[in-house]
Amino acid sequence: MRRFIFMSLGLLVLAFSLSGIGANQNCPSGWFPHNISCYKLFTERKNWDQAQRTCMEEQENGQLASITDADTAVKLSNKLSGNWNFFDIWFGLSLSKTRGFWLWPDGSMVTFTNWGKGEPNNFWDMESCAALTAASGYLSWNDKNCGLLHYFICQTQSRGG
């Protein structure tokens, strides 16, 4: 009986590995999954507009990442904090000058925030883009001048999502 169970488990593991279960085949190569989206960190420094343009060119429906809940914030923080602790990272939040509030790249309203203490402060009325701060392990947000050069994280919808 033990041998039967052992063999059955072995065959099950083999079947899963051959079918690709456990491996993410819904994200493009180099991208990592979370929920119904795929994310990729770009380690070239660009201003916010250039970063957004790169995301759009990189993948159909690509854009700077939208962090719409605590679960996504923690997932991205955990993924990013191991390697890039010196550089802030652009993500998709920007201040609409015409509408006067923060929006995601798709134009949707912000329902979750994780601003650092005293942020957003729109220092000298020149900070209209948001970055994940290296000092917080990429958990807290800071509004920054959109012309600064930072690494950036893009998001696209997974193929199965």
C-alpha atoms as a PDB file:
ATOM      1  CA  MET A   1       0.000   0.000   0.000  1.00  0.00           C
ATOM      2  CA  ARG A   2       2.822   2.426   0.875  1.00  0.00           C
ATOM      3  CA  ARG A   3       4.520   1.657  -2.411  1.00  0.00           C
ATOM      4  CA  PHE A   4       1.283   2.375  -4.294  1.00  0.00           C
ATOM      5  CA  ILE A   5       0.856   5.743  -2.537  1.00  0.00           C
ATOM      6  CA  PHE A   6       4.505   6.646  -3.142  1.00  0.00           C
ATOM      7  CA  MET A   7       4.254   5.743  -6.848  1.00  0.00           C
ATOM      8  CA  SER A   8       0.961   7.635  -7.193  1.00  0.00           C
ATOM      9  CA  LEU A   9       2.473  10.764  -5.644  1.00  0.00           C
ATOM     10  CA  GLY A  10       5.491  10.455  -7.913  1.00  0.00           C
ATOM     11  CA  LEU A  11       3.308  10.217 -10.999  1.00  0.00           C
ATOM     12  CA  LEU A  12       1.230  13.178  -9.823  1.00  0.00           C
ATOM     13  CA  VAL A  13       4.345  15.344  -9.372  1.00  0.00           C
ATOM     14  CA  LEU A  14       5.586  14.303 -12.809  1.00  0.00           C
ATOM     15  CA  ALA A  15       2.226  15.098 -14.402  1.00  0.00           C
ATOM     16  CA  PHE A  16       2.133  18.570 -12.815  1.00  0.00           C
ATOM     17  CA  SER A  17       5.679  19.369 -13.903  1.00  0.00           C
ATOM     18  CA  LEU A  18       4.988  18.278 -17.479  1.00  0.00           C
ATOM     19  CA  SER A  19       1.748  20.253 -17.633  1.00  0.00           C
ATOM     20  CA  GLY A  20       3.453  23.437 -16.457  1.00  0.00           C
ATOM     21  CA  ILE A  21       1.348  23.827 -13.311  1.00  0.00           C
ATOM     22  CA  GLY A  22       3.361  25.805 -10.820  1.00  0.00           C
ATOM     23  CA  ALA A  23       5.227  27.593 -13.602  1.00  0.00           C
ATOM     24  CA  ASN A  24       3.710  30.804 -14.824  1.00  0.00           C
ATOM     25  CA  GLN A  25       3.011  30.579 -18.504  1.00  0.00           C
ATOM     26  CA  ASN A  26       0.615  33.533 -18.518  1.00  0.00           C
ATOM     27  CA  CYS A  27       3.288  36.228 -18.187  1.00  0.00           C
ATOM     28  CA  PRO A  28       5.775  37.253 -20.857  1.00  0.00           C
ATOM     29  CA  SER A  29       9.356  36.116 -20.382  1.00  0.00           C
ATOM     30  CA  GLY A  30      11.084  38.177 -17.680  1.00  0.00           C
ATOM     31  CA  TRP A  31       7.830  39.274 -16.043  1.00  0.00           C
ATOM     32  CA  PHE A  32       6.507  37.989 -12.704  1.00  0.00           C
ATOM     33  CA  PRO A  33       2.857  37.284 -11.861  1.00  0.00           C
ATOM     34  CA  HIS A  34       0.543  38.646  -9.204  1.00  0.00           C
ATOM     35  CA  ASN A  35      -3.224  38.151  -9.347  1.00  0.00           C
ATOM     36  CA  ILE A  36      -4.309  38.800 -12.947  1.00  0.00           C
ATOM     37  CA  SER A  37      -1.311  40.993 -13.812  1.00  0.00           C
ATOM     38  CA  CYS A  38       2.334  40.609 -14.741  1.00  0.00           C
ATOM     39  CA  TYR A  39       5.077  42.984 -13.593  1.00  0.00           C
ATOM     40  CA  LYS A  40       8.603  43.779 -14.702  1.00  0.00           C
ATOM     41  CA  LEU A  41      11.271  45.993 -13.150  1.00  0.00           C
ATOM     42  CA  PHE A  42      13.297  48.022 -15.625  1.00  0.00           C
ATOM     43  CA  THR A  43      16.748  48.967 -14.357  1.00  0.00           C
ATOM     44  CA  GLU A  44      17.342  51.813 -16.740  1.00  0.00           C
ATOM     45  CA  ARG A  45      16.772  55.276 -15.350  1.00  0.00           C
ATOM     46  CA  LYS A  46      14.080  57.328 -17.081  1.00  0.00           C
ATOM     47  CA  ASN A  47      11.775  60.193 -16.215  1.00  0.00           C
ATOM     48  CA  TRP A  48       8.138  59.312 -15.488  1.00  0.00           C
ATOM     49  CA  ASP A  49       6.818  60.042 -19.005  1.00  0.00           C
ATOM     50  CA  GLN A  50       9.643  58.088 -20.664  1.00  0.00           C
ATOM     51  CA  ALA A  51       9.023  55.178 -18.282  1.00  0.00           C
ATOM     52  CA  GLN A  52       5.297  55.143 -19.095  1.00  0.00           C
ATOM     53  CA  ARG A  53       6.086  55.226 -22.816  1.00  0.00           C
ATOM     54  CA  THR A  54       8.532  52.320 -22.419  1.00  0.00           C
ATOM     55  CA  CYS A  55       5.873  50.262 -20.615  1.00  0.00           C
ATOM     56  CA  MET A  56       3.395  50.919 -23.426  1.00  0.00           C
ATOM     57  CA  GLU A  57       5.965  49.931 -26.067  1.00  0.00           C
ATOM     58  CA  GLU A  58       7.158  46.848 -24.173  1.00  0.00           C
ATOM     59  CA  GLN A  59       3.791  45.062 -23.985  1.00  0.00           C
ATOM     60  CA  GLU A  60       0.333  45.516 -25.415  1.00  0.00           C
ATOM     61  CA  ASN A  61      -1.741  47.117 -22.626  1.00  0.00           C
ATOM     62  CA  GLY A  62       1.496  47.876 -20.759  1.00  0.00           C
ATOM     63  CA  GLN A  63       1.661  50.786 -18.336  1.00  0.00           C
ATOM     64  CA  LEU A  64       3.463  51.837 -15.197  1.00  0.00           C
ATOM     65  CA  ALA A  65       2.232  49.620 -12.365  1.00  0.00           C
ATOM     66  CA  SER A  66      -0.966  50.414 -10.475  1.00  0.00           C
ATOM     67  CA  ILE A  67      -0.808  49.492  -6.790  1.00  0.00           C
ATOM     68  CA  THR A  68      -4.479  49.292  -5.918  1.00  0.00           C
ATOM     69  CA  ASP A  69      -4.429  47.260  -2.695  1.00  0.00           C
ATOM     70  CA  ALA A  70      -2.235  46.296   0.253  1.00  0.00           C
ATOM     71  CA  ASP A  71      -1.663  42.783  -1.082  1.00  0.00           C
ATOM     72  CA  THR A  72      -0.136  44.138  -4.294  1.00  0.00           C
ATOM     73  CA  ALA A  73       1.922  46.682  -2.340  1.00  0.00           C
ATOM     74  CA  VAL A  74       3.420  43.938  -0.162  1.00  0.00           C
ATOM     75  CA  LYS A  75       4.024  41.593  -3.125  1.00  0.00           C
ATOM     76  CA  LEU A  76       5.901  44.268  -5.066  1.00  0.00           C
ATOM     77  CA  SER A  77       7.842  45.354  -1.983  1.00  0.00           C
ATOM     78  CA  ASN A  78       8.939  41.775  -1.310  1.00  0.00           C
ATOM     79  CA  LYS A  79       9.920  41.245  -4.935  1.00  0.00           C
ATOM     80  CA  LEU A  80      11.859  44.504  -5.262  1.00  0.00           C
ATOM     81  CA  SER A  81      13.489  44.985  -1.866  1.00  0.00           C
ATOM     82  CA  GLY A  82      16.072  42.223  -2.200  1.00  0.00           C
ATOM     83  CA  ASN A  83      18.086  43.822  -4.975  1.00  0.00           C
ATOM     84  CA  TRP A  84      17.498  47.517  -5.556  1.00  0.00           C
ATOM     85  CA  ASN A  85      17.639  49.192  -2.137  1.00  0.00           C
ATOM     86  CA  PHE A  86      19.430  52.314  -3.389  1.00  0.00           C
ATOM     87  CA  PHE A  87      17.091  53.612  -6.085  1.00  0.00           C
ATOM     88  CA  ASP A  88      13.519  54.833  -5.904  1.00  0.00           C
ATOM     89  CA  ILE A  89      11.220  53.246  -8.496  1.00  0.00           C
ATOM     90  CA  TRP A  90       8.538  54.958 -10.561  1.00  0.00           C
ATOM     91  CA  PHE A  91       5.081  53.415 -10.597  1.00  0.00           C
ATOM     92  CA  GLY A  92       1.868  54.540 -12.263  1.00  0.00           C
ATOM     93  CA  LEU A  93       0.411  57.140  -9.933  1.00  0.00           C
ATOM     94  CA  SER A  94       0.375  60.764 -11.127  1.00  0.00           C
ATOM     95  CA  LEU A  95      -1.332  63.984 -10.122  1.00  0.00           C
ATOM     96  CA  SER A  96      -3.816  65.271 -12.673  1.00  0.00           C
ATOM     97  CA  LYS A  97      -3.142  69.002 -12.916  1.00  0.00           C
ATOM     98  CA  THR A  98      -6.492  69.614 -14.610  1.00  0.00           C
ATOM     99  CA  ARG A  99      -8.560  67.518 -12.211  1.00  0.00           C
ATOM    100  CA  GLY A 100      -6.511  68.133  -9.061  1.00  0.00           C
ATOM    101  CA  PHE A 101      -6.260  64.569  -7.760  1.00  0.00           C
ATOM    102  CA  TRP A 102      -4.138  61.446  -8.161  1.00  0.00           C
ATOM    103  CA  LEU A 103      -4.983  58.972 -10.930  1.00  0.00           C
ATOM    104  CA  TRP A 104      -3.725  55.656 -12.279  1.00  0.00           C
ATOM    105  CA  PRO A 105      -2.474  55.501 -15.901  1.00  0.00           C
ATOM    106  CA  ASP A 106      -5.832  54.129 -17.083  1.00  0.00           C
ATOM    107  CA  GLY A 107      -7.573  57.180 -15.576  1.00  0.00           C
ATOM    108  CA  SER A 108      -9.104  55.299 -12.650  1.00  0.00           C
ATOM    109  CA  MET A 109      -9.447  56.851  -9.205  1.00  0.00           C
ATOM    110  CA  VAL A 110      -7.175  55.963  -6.309  1.00  0.00           C
ATOM    111  CA  THR A 111      -8.878  53.892  -3.606  1.00  0.00           C
ATOM    112  CA  PHE A 112      -5.746  52.658  -1.787  1.00  0.00           C
ATOM    113  CA  THR A 113      -2.688  54.705  -0.815  1.00  0.00           C
ATOM    114  CA  ASN A 114       0.524  54.057   1.050  1.00  0.00           C
ATOM    115  CA  TRP A 115       2.124  57.489   1.234  1.00  0.00           C
ATOM    116  CA  GLY A 116       5.157  57.943   3.454  1.00  0.00           C
ATOM    117  CA  LYS A 117       4.898  60.257   6.457  1.00  0.00           C
ATOM    118  CA  GLY A 118       4.161  63.820   5.323  1.00  0.00           C
ATOM    119  CA  GLU A 119       3.532  62.763   1.723  1.00  0.00           C
ATOM    120  CA  PRO A 120       2.322  63.754  -0.741  1.00  0.00           C
ATOM    121  CA  ASN A 121       3.642  67.252  -0.145  1.00  0.00           C
ATOM    122  CA  ASN A 122       4.031  68.556  -3.732  1.00  0.00           C
ATOM    123  CA  PHE A 123       7.287  70.242  -2.720  1.00  0.00           C
ATOM    124  CA  TRP A 124       7.650  73.625  -4.473  1.00  0.00           C
ATOM    125  CA  ASP A 125       4.543  72.706  -6.487  1.00  0.00           C
ATOM    126  CA  MET A 126       6.759  70.487  -8.666  1.00  0.00           C
ATOM    127  CA  GLU A 127       5.943  66.914  -7.573  1.00  0.00           C
ATOM    128  CA  SER A 128       3.234  65.281  -9.667  1.00  0.00           C
ATOM    129  CA  CYS A 129       4.481  61.688 -10.004  1.00  0.00           C
ATOM    130  CA  ALA A 130       4.827  58.908  -7.445  1.00  0.00           C
ATOM    131  CA  ALA A 131       7.733  56.605  -6.666  1.00  0.00           C
ATOM    132  CA  LEU A 132       8.248  53.639  -4.377  1.00  0.00           C
ATOM    133  CA  THR A 133      10.916  54.692  -1.903  1.00  0.00           C
ATOM    134  CA  ALA A 134      14.048  52.611  -1.496  1.00  0.00           C
ATOM    135  CA  ALA A 135      14.365  53.654   2.160  1.00  0.00           C
ATOM    136  CA  SER A 136      11.018  51.987   2.955  1.00  0.00           C
ATOM    137  CA  GLY A 137      11.866  48.737   1.196  1.00  0.00           C
ATOM    138  CA  TYR A 138       9.599  49.877  -1.652  1.00  0.00           C
ATOM    139  CA  LEU A 139       6.504  49.903   0.523  1.00  0.00           C
ATOM    140  CA  SER A 140       5.962  53.667   0.995  1.00  0.00           C
ATOM    141  CA  TRP A 141       5.160  56.193  -1.707  1.00  0.00           C
ATOM    142  CA  ASN A 142       6.637  59.646  -2.267  1.00  0.00           C
ATOM    143  CA  ASP A 143       5.543  62.317  -4.710  1.00  0.00           C
ATOM    144  CA  LYS A 144       8.470  63.478  -6.822  1.00  0.00           C
ATOM    145  CA  ASN A 145       9.350  65.726  -9.715  1.00  0.00           C
ATOM    146  CA  CYS A 146       8.330  63.805 -12.857  1.00  0.00           C
ATOM    147  CA  GLY A 147      11.553  64.819 -14.613  1.00  0.00           C
ATOM    148  CA  LEU A 148      13.809  62.898 -12.230  1.00  0.00           C
ATOM    149  CA  LEU A 149      15.408  59.716 -13.521  1.00  0.00           C
ATOM    150  CA  HIS A 150      14.492  56.461 -11.753  1.00  0.00           C
ATOM    151  CA  TYR A 151      14.121  52.767 -12.354  1.00  0.00           C
ATOM    152  CA  PHE A 152      10.480  51.850 -13.018  1.00  0.00           C
ATOM    153  CA  ILE A 153       8.039  48.972 -12.783  1.00  0.00           C
ATOM    154  CA  CYS A 154       5.614  48.109 -15.571  1.00  0.00           C
ATOM    155  CA  GLN A 155       2.409  46.116 -15.477  1.00  0.00           C
ATOM    156  CA  THR A 156       0.441  44.255 -18.110  1.00  0.00           C
ATOM    157  CA  GLN A 157      -2.518  41.924 -17.948  1.00  0.00           C
ATOM    158  CA  SER A 158      -1.633  38.235 -17.808  1.00  0.00           C
ATOM    159  CA  ARG A 159      -2.582  36.222 -20.876  1.00  0.00           C
ATOM    160  CA  GLY A 160      -4.975  34.148 -18.808  1.00  0.00           C
ATOM    161  CA  GLY A 161      -6.421  37.140 -16.961  1.00  0.00           C
END
